[in-house]
Amino acid sequence: MDRPLSLTERRKAATQLDIARAAAELFADKGPDGTTAEEIAGRAGVALRTFYRYFRNKQDAVGPLLASGGDRWRALLDGTPPGTPLREALEAAAVASLSEPGEAAAEGLRWTRGLLRAAQDDPALRAVWYRVNQESEEKLLPVVTRLAPPGTDELGLRLTAAAATDAIRVSLEVWATTDEASPVGLVIRALGSGPGSAH
């Protein structure tokens, strides 16, 4: 889907993720209002100027963490063989990305739940979540375009990318308010009622 990252780009992404985890930890402990950019930089082991090289503000710092699930979903979707029905492909990739074994995947879901709960009372954090989803939708469009039936027009492609992204976004937001272990059931329901229905 994307060209391989250079070593410099991989280091930059790793630093951003370290900062994002530090921000999420502090937000969980003290809330976004009680956390400063200086504290996030200190927890991540970077200089404050490094923090501001990558992020505009403390809420922006969690963007890479919130984006990681969508990145996994699109990567799995991009590996779908051509000819797979689009709705089936969207659902299978979403379920696989949310059901990955291991502590790293479980940690990602815990961070997402905590951040979405915090975002309910923090408009700046909510804005980061919406921006991450908008960017995810834009990145999803070329993948949907490749997998969609031949002759699908631009409106259909864009609506499918938007509906699939929003289906997962809303599912995660609802899941974050519950004590359910996994959002998979909600995601399956949401995807089944929307994206791909025009095809």
C-alpha atoms as a PDB file:
ATOM      1  CA  MET A   1       0.000   0.000   0.000  1.00  0.00           C
ATOM      2  CA  ASP A   2       2.789   2.405   0.954  1.00  0.00           C
ATOM      3  CA  ARG A   3       6.475   2.479   0.076  1.00  0.00           C
ATOM      4  CA  PRO A   4       8.788   1.050   2.772  1.00  0.00           C
ATOM      5  CA  LEU A   5       9.911   3.594   5.354  1.00  0.00           C
ATOM      6  CA  SER A   6      13.529   4.691   5.435  1.00  0.00           C
ATOM      7  CA  LEU A   7      15.599   4.184   8.585  1.00  0.00           C
ATOM      8  CA  THR A   8      15.184   7.875   9.446  1.00  0.00           C
ATOM      9  CA  GLU A   9      11.415   7.660   8.994  1.00  0.00           C
ATOM     10  CA  ARG A  10      11.242   4.518  11.151  1.00  0.00           C
ATOM     11  CA  ARG A  11      13.205   6.256  13.919  1.00  0.00           C
ATOM     12  CA  LYS A  12      10.934   9.280  13.695  1.00  0.00           C
ATOM     13  CA  ALA A  13       7.837   7.053  13.899  1.00  0.00           C
ATOM     14  CA  ALA A  14       9.294   5.187  16.899  1.00  0.00           C
ATOM     15  CA  THR A  15       9.998   8.465  18.710  1.00  0.00           C
ATOM     16  CA  GLN A  16       6.493   9.717  17.988  1.00  0.00           C
ATOM     17  CA  LEU A  17       5.027   6.472  19.343  1.00  0.00           C
ATOM     18  CA  ASP A  18       7.160   6.725  22.495  1.00  0.00           C
ATOM     19  CA  ILE A  19       5.856  10.254  23.042  1.00  0.00           C
ATOM     20  CA  ALA A  20       2.294   9.102  22.335  1.00  0.00           C
ATOM     21  CA  ARG A  21       2.537   6.312  24.927  1.00  0.00           C
ATOM     22  CA  ALA A  22       3.985   8.715  27.481  1.00  0.00           C
ATOM     23  CA  ALA A  23       1.119  11.141  26.849  1.00  0.00           C
ATOM     24  CA  ALA A  24      -1.463   8.382  27.139  1.00  0.00           C
ATOM     25  CA  GLU A  25       0.033   7.174  30.426  1.00  0.00           C
ATOM     26  CA  LEU A  26      -0.027  10.670  31.894  1.00  0.00           C
ATOM     27  CA  PHE A  27      -3.541  11.344  30.613  1.00  0.00           C
ATOM     28  CA  ALA A  28      -4.657   8.120  32.316  1.00  0.00           C
ATOM     29  CA  ASP A  29      -3.010   9.181  35.590  1.00  0.00           C
ATOM     30  CA  LYS A  30      -3.760  12.901  35.659  1.00  0.00           C
ATOM     31  CA  GLY A  31      -6.149  13.673  32.795  1.00  0.00           C
ATOM     32  CA  PRO A  32      -5.231  15.902  29.835  1.00  0.00           C
ATOM     33  CA  ASP A  33      -5.882  19.064  31.865  1.00  0.00           C
ATOM     34  CA  GLY A  34      -3.485  17.984  34.590  1.00  0.00           C
ATOM     35  CA  THR A  35      -0.698  17.057  32.179  1.00  0.00           C
ATOM     36  CA  THR A  36       1.872  19.376  30.609  1.00  0.00           C
ATOM     37  CA  ALA A  37       3.918  18.978  27.439  1.00  0.00           C
ATOM     38  CA  GLU A  38       7.040  19.161  29.620  1.00  0.00           C
ATOM     39  CA  GLU A  39       5.867  16.157  31.627  1.00  0.00           C
ATOM     40  CA  ILE A  40       5.138  14.187  28.468  1.00  0.00           C
ATOM     41  CA  ALA A  41       8.574  14.960  27.048  1.00  0.00           C
ATOM     42  CA  GLY A  42      10.200  13.966  30.346  1.00  0.00           C
ATOM     43  CA  ARG A  43       8.279  10.690  30.533  1.00  0.00           C
ATOM     44  CA  ALA A  44       9.238   9.903  26.917  1.00  0.00           C
ATOM     45  CA  GLY A  45      12.883  10.772  27.527  1.00  0.00           C
ATOM     46  CA  VAL A  46      13.054  13.501  24.887  1.00  0.00           C
ATOM     47  CA  ALA A  47      13.754  17.212  24.989  1.00  0.00           C
ATOM     48  CA  LEU A  48      10.792  19.582  24.978  1.00  0.00           C
ATOM     49  CA  ARG A  49      11.961  20.986  21.630  1.00  0.00           C
ATOM     50  CA  THR A  50      11.806  17.424  20.226  1.00  0.00           C
ATOM     51  CA  PHE A  51       8.230  17.147  21.473  1.00  0.00           C
ATOM     52  CA  TYR A  52       7.280  20.340  19.658  1.00  0.00           C
ATOM     53  CA  ARG A  53       9.120  19.273  16.511  1.00  0.00           C
ATOM     54  CA  TYR A  54       6.589  16.452  16.193  1.00  0.00           C
ATOM     55  CA  PHE A  55       3.440  17.741  17.898  1.00  0.00           C
ATOM     56  CA  ARG A  56       1.621  21.064  18.184  1.00  0.00           C
ATOM     57  CA  ASN A  57       0.170  20.419  21.635  1.00  0.00           C
ATOM     58  CA  LYS A  58      -0.200  17.757  24.310  1.00  0.00           C
ATOM     59  CA  GLN A  59      -3.447  16.309  22.909  1.00  0.00           C
ATOM     60  CA  ASP A  60      -1.912  16.047  19.443  1.00  0.00           C
ATOM     61  CA  ALA A  61       0.761  13.787  20.925  1.00  0.00           C
ATOM     62  CA  VAL A  62      -1.591  10.795  21.184  1.00  0.00           C
ATOM     63  CA  GLY A  63      -2.422  10.881  17.472  1.00  0.00           C
ATOM     64  CA  PRO A  64       0.034   8.105  16.500  1.00  0.00           C
ATOM     65  CA  LEU A  65      -1.419   5.832  19.167  1.00  0.00           C
ATOM     66  CA  LEU A  66      -4.970   6.466  17.989  1.00  0.00           C
ATOM     67  CA  ALA A  67      -3.930   5.964  14.358  1.00  0.00           C
ATOM     68  CA  SER A  68      -2.150   2.644  14.859  1.00  0.00           C
ATOM     69  CA  GLY A  69      -5.316   0.514  14.733  1.00  0.00           C
ATOM     70  CA  GLY A  70      -6.426   2.044  11.451  1.00  0.00           C
ATOM     71  CA  ASP A  71      -2.948   1.502  10.040  1.00  0.00           C
ATOM     72  CA  ARG A  72      -3.146  -2.219  10.889  1.00  0.00           C
ATOM     73  CA  TRP A  73      -6.645  -2.484   9.418  1.00  0.00           C
ATOM     74  CA  ARG A  74      -5.652  -0.893   6.109  1.00  0.00           C
ATOM     75  CA  ALA A  75      -2.506  -3.012   5.850  1.00  0.00           C
ATOM     76  CA  LEU A  76      -4.537  -6.196   6.312  1.00  0.00           C
ATOM     77  CA  LEU A  77      -7.202  -4.961   3.902  1.00  0.00           C
ATOM     78  CA  ASP A  78      -4.556  -4.128   1.300  1.00  0.00           C
ATOM     79  CA  GLY A  79      -3.444  -7.763   1.415  1.00  0.00           C
ATOM     80  CA  THR A  80      -6.917  -8.983   0.427  1.00  0.00           C
ATOM     81  CA  PRO A  81      -6.926 -10.912  -2.858  1.00  0.00           C
ATOM     82  CA  PRO A  82      -8.669  -9.073  -5.717  1.00  0.00           C
ATOM     83  CA  GLY A  83     -12.190 -10.334  -6.318  1.00  0.00           C
ATOM     84  CA  THR A  84     -13.022 -10.705  -2.620  1.00  0.00           C
ATOM     85  CA  PRO A  85     -16.429  -9.085  -1.979  1.00  0.00           C
ATOM     86  CA  LEU A  86     -15.724  -5.649  -0.558  1.00  0.00           C
ATOM     87  CA  ARG A  87     -17.932  -5.901   2.526  1.00  0.00           C
ATOM     88  CA  GLU A  88     -16.419  -9.274   3.367  1.00  0.00           C
ATOM     89  CA  ALA A  89     -12.908  -7.847   2.930  1.00  0.00           C
ATOM     90  CA  LEU A  90     -13.629  -4.807   5.109  1.00  0.00           C
ATOM     91  CA  GLU A  91     -15.077  -6.932   7.899  1.00  0.00           C
ATOM     92  CA  ALA A  92     -12.414  -9.647   7.794  1.00  0.00           C
ATOM     93  CA  ALA A  93      -9.585  -7.111   7.958  1.00  0.00           C
ATOM     94  CA  ALA A  94     -11.265  -5.178  10.785  1.00  0.00           C
ATOM     95  CA  VAL A  95     -11.877  -8.313  12.846  1.00  0.00           C
ATOM     96  CA  ALA A  96      -8.317  -9.516  12.266  1.00  0.00           C
ATOM     97  CA  SER A  97      -6.817  -6.164  13.243  1.00  0.00           C
ATOM     98  CA  LEU A  98      -8.885  -6.024  16.445  1.00  0.00           C
ATOM     99  CA  SER A  99      -8.255  -9.677  17.340  1.00  0.00           C
ATOM    100  CA  GLU A 100      -4.485  -9.809  16.982  1.00  0.00           C
ATOM    101  CA  PRO A 101      -2.939 -11.947  19.721  1.00  0.00           C
ATOM    102  CA  GLY A 102      -0.331 -10.650  22.081  1.00  0.00           C
ATOM    103  CA  GLU A 103       0.153  -7.987  24.696  1.00  0.00           C
ATOM    104  CA  ALA A 104       0.939  -5.214  22.202  1.00  0.00           C
ATOM    105  CA  ALA A 105      -2.494  -5.490  20.571  1.00  0.00           C
ATOM    106  CA  ALA A 106      -4.263  -5.675  23.936  1.00  0.00           C
ATOM    107  CA  GLU A 107      -2.303  -2.644  25.103  1.00  0.00           C
ATOM    108  CA  GLY A 108      -3.360  -0.724  21.995  1.00  0.00           C
ATOM    109  CA  LEU A 109      -7.020  -1.376  22.756  1.00  0.00           C
ATOM    110  CA  ARG A 110      -6.561  -0.324  26.387  1.00  0.00           C
ATOM    111  CA  TRP A 111      -4.945   2.941  25.308  1.00  0.00           C
ATOM    112  CA  THR A 112      -7.703   3.571  22.779  1.00  0.00           C
ATOM    113  CA  ARG A 113     -10.430   2.992  25.355  1.00  0.00           C
ATOM    114  CA  GLY A 114      -8.786   5.269  27.892  1.00  0.00           C
ATOM    115  CA  LEU A 115      -8.195   8.042  25.374  1.00  0.00           C
ATOM    116  CA  LEU A 116     -11.737   7.876  24.006  1.00  0.00           C
ATOM    117  CA  ARG A 117     -13.113   8.091  27.528  1.00  0.00           C
ATOM    118  CA  ALA A 118     -10.912  11.124  28.211  1.00  0.00           C
ATOM    119  CA  ALA A 119     -11.965  12.684  24.896  1.00  0.00           C
ATOM    120  CA  GLN A 120     -15.580  12.855  26.049  1.00  0.00           C
ATOM    121  CA  ASP A 121     -14.631  15.791  28.277  1.00  0.00           C
ATOM    122  CA  ASP A 122     -11.753  17.219  26.246  1.00  0.00           C
ATOM    123  CA  PRO A 123     -12.646  18.947  22.947  1.00  0.00           C
ATOM    124  CA  ALA A 124      -8.992  19.189  21.858  1.00  0.00           C
ATOM    125  CA  LEU A 125      -8.490  15.449  22.346  1.00  0.00           C
ATOM    126  CA  ARG A 126     -11.759  14.772  20.522  1.00  0.00           C
ATOM    127  CA  ALA A 127     -10.516  16.918  17.626  1.00  0.00           C
ATOM    128  CA  VAL A 128      -7.377  14.769  17.389  1.00  0.00           C
ATOM    129  CA  TRP A 129      -9.537  11.626  17.237  1.00  0.00           C
ATOM    130  CA  TYR A 130     -11.675  13.096  14.446  1.00  0.00           C
ATOM    131  CA  ARG A 131      -8.589  14.220  12.531  1.00  0.00           C
ATOM    132  CA  VAL A 132      -7.041  10.747  12.808  1.00  0.00           C
ATOM    133  CA  ASN A 133     -10.224   9.240  11.396  1.00  0.00           C
ATOM    134  CA  GLN A 134     -10.368  11.745   8.527  1.00  0.00           C
ATOM    135  CA  GLU A 135      -6.791  10.908   7.601  1.00  0.00           C
ATOM    136  CA  SER A 136      -7.584   7.196   7.858  1.00  0.00           C
ATOM    137  CA  GLU A 137     -10.533   7.621   5.491  1.00  0.00           C
ATOM    138  CA  GLU A 138      -8.312   9.375   2.954  1.00  0.00           C
ATOM    139  CA  LYS A 139      -5.729   6.583   3.160  1.00  0.00           C
ATOM    140  CA  LEU A 140      -8.471   3.959   2.871  1.00  0.00           C
ATOM    141  CA  LEU A 141      -9.844   5.305  -0.407  1.00  0.00           C
ATOM    142  CA  PRO A 142      -7.116   3.917  -2.719  1.00  0.00           C
ATOM    143  CA  VAL A 143      -7.405   0.511  -1.034  1.00  0.00           C
ATOM    144  CA  VAL A 144     -11.183   0.499  -1.501  1.00  0.00           C
ATOM    145  CA  THR A 145     -10.687   1.627  -5.097  1.00  0.00           C
ATOM    146  CA  ARG A 146      -8.490  -1.390  -5.799  1.00  0.00           C
ATOM    147  CA  LEU A 147     -10.878  -3.871  -4.179  1.00  0.00           C
ATOM    148  CA  ALA A 148     -14.206  -2.448  -5.387  1.00  0.00           C
ATOM    149  CA  PRO A 149     -16.073  -4.070  -8.279  1.00  0.00           C
ATOM    150  CA  PRO A 150     -15.045  -2.766 -11.705  1.00  0.00           C
ATOM    151  CA  GLY A 151     -17.046   0.257 -12.768  1.00  0.00           C
ATOM    152  CA  THR A 152     -17.731   1.533  -9.236  1.00  0.00           C
ATOM    153  CA  ASP A 153     -17.951   5.311  -9.573  1.00  0.00           C
ATOM    154  CA  GLU A 154     -16.139   7.860  -7.435  1.00  0.00           C
ATOM    155  CA  LEU A 155     -19.216   8.576  -5.332  1.00  0.00           C
ATOM    156  CA  GLY A 156     -19.594   4.902  -4.459  1.00  0.00           C
ATOM    157  CA  LEU A 157     -15.903   4.555  -3.631  1.00  0.00           C
ATOM    158  CA  ARG A 158     -15.817   7.628  -1.413  1.00  0.00           C
ATOM    159  CA  LEU A 159     -19.048   6.714   0.357  1.00  0.00           C
ATOM    160  CA  THR A 160     -17.713   3.228   1.064  1.00  0.00           C
ATOM    161  CA  ALA A 161     -14.444   4.568   2.485  1.00  0.00           C
ATOM    162  CA  ALA A 162     -16.325   7.123   4.604  1.00  0.00           C
ATOM    163  CA  ALA A 163     -18.933   4.652   5.828  1.00  0.00           C
ATOM    164  CA  ALA A 164     -16.354   1.993   6.724  1.00  0.00           C
ATOM    165  CA  THR A 165     -14.216   4.495   8.619  1.00  0.00           C
ATOM    166  CA  ASP A 166     -17.192   5.925  10.491  1.00  0.00           C
ATOM    167  CA  ALA A 167     -18.546   2.461  11.267  1.00  0.00           C
ATOM    168  CA  ILE A 168     -15.339   1.594  13.092  1.00  0.00           C
ATOM    169  CA  ARG A 169     -15.024   5.035  14.701  1.00  0.00           C
ATOM    170  CA  VAL A 170     -18.535   4.917  16.157  1.00  0.00           C
ATOM    171  CA  SER A 171     -18.115   1.297  17.237  1.00  0.00           C
ATOM    172  CA  LEU A 172     -14.967   2.167  19.154  1.00  0.00           C
ATOM    173  CA  GLU A 173     -16.616   5.199  20.749  1.00  0.00           C
ATOM    174  CA  VAL A 174     -19.572   3.088  21.929  1.00  0.00           C
ATOM    175  CA  TRP A 175     -17.283   0.277  23.078  1.00  0.00           C
ATOM    176  CA  ALA A 176     -15.185   2.715  25.118  1.00  0.00           C
ATOM    177  CA  THR A 177     -18.239   3.505  27.262  1.00  0.00           C
ATOM    178  CA  THR A 178     -18.761  -0.185  28.107  1.00  0.00           C
ATOM    179  CA  ASP A 179     -16.823  -2.845  29.979  1.00  0.00           C
ATOM    180  CA  GLU A 180     -16.817  -5.224  27.001  1.00  0.00           C
ATOM    181  CA  ALA A 181     -13.420  -6.830  26.464  1.00  0.00           C
ATOM    182  CA  SER A 182     -13.424  -6.373  22.701  1.00  0.00           C
ATOM    183  CA  PRO A 183     -15.114  -4.055  20.191  1.00  0.00           C
ATOM    184  CA  VAL A 184     -15.281  -6.778  17.526  1.00  0.00           C
ATOM    185  CA  GLY A 185     -19.013  -7.502  17.916  1.00  0.00           C
ATOM    186  CA  LEU A 186     -19.909  -3.830  17.583  1.00  0.00           C
ATOM    187  CA  VAL A 187     -17.642  -3.427  14.561  1.00  0.00           C
ATOM    188  CA  ILE A 188     -19.252  -6.405  12.809  1.00  0.00           C
ATOM    189  CA  ARG A 189     -22.702  -4.946  13.451  1.00  0.00           C
ATOM    190  CA  ALA A 190     -21.702  -1.514  12.232  1.00  0.00           C
ATOM    191  CA  LEU A 191     -19.957  -2.725   9.079  1.00  0.00           C
ATOM    192  CA  GLY A 192     -22.882  -4.994   8.274  1.00  0.00           C
ATOM    193  CA  SER A 193     -25.295  -2.084   8.277  1.00  0.00           C
ATOM    194  CA  GLY A 194     -23.374   0.318   6.093  1.00  0.00           C
ATOM    195  CA  PRO A 195     -20.241   0.116   3.936  1.00  0.00           C
ATOM    196  CA  GLY A 196     -20.371  -1.844   0.750  1.00  0.00           C
ATOM    197  CA  SER A 197     -24.158  -1.851   0.688  1.00  0.00           C
ATOM    198  CA  ALA A 198     -24.159   0.130  -2.531  1.00  0.00           C
ATOM    199  CA  HIS A 199     -22.383  -2.693  -4.343  1.00  0.00           C
END
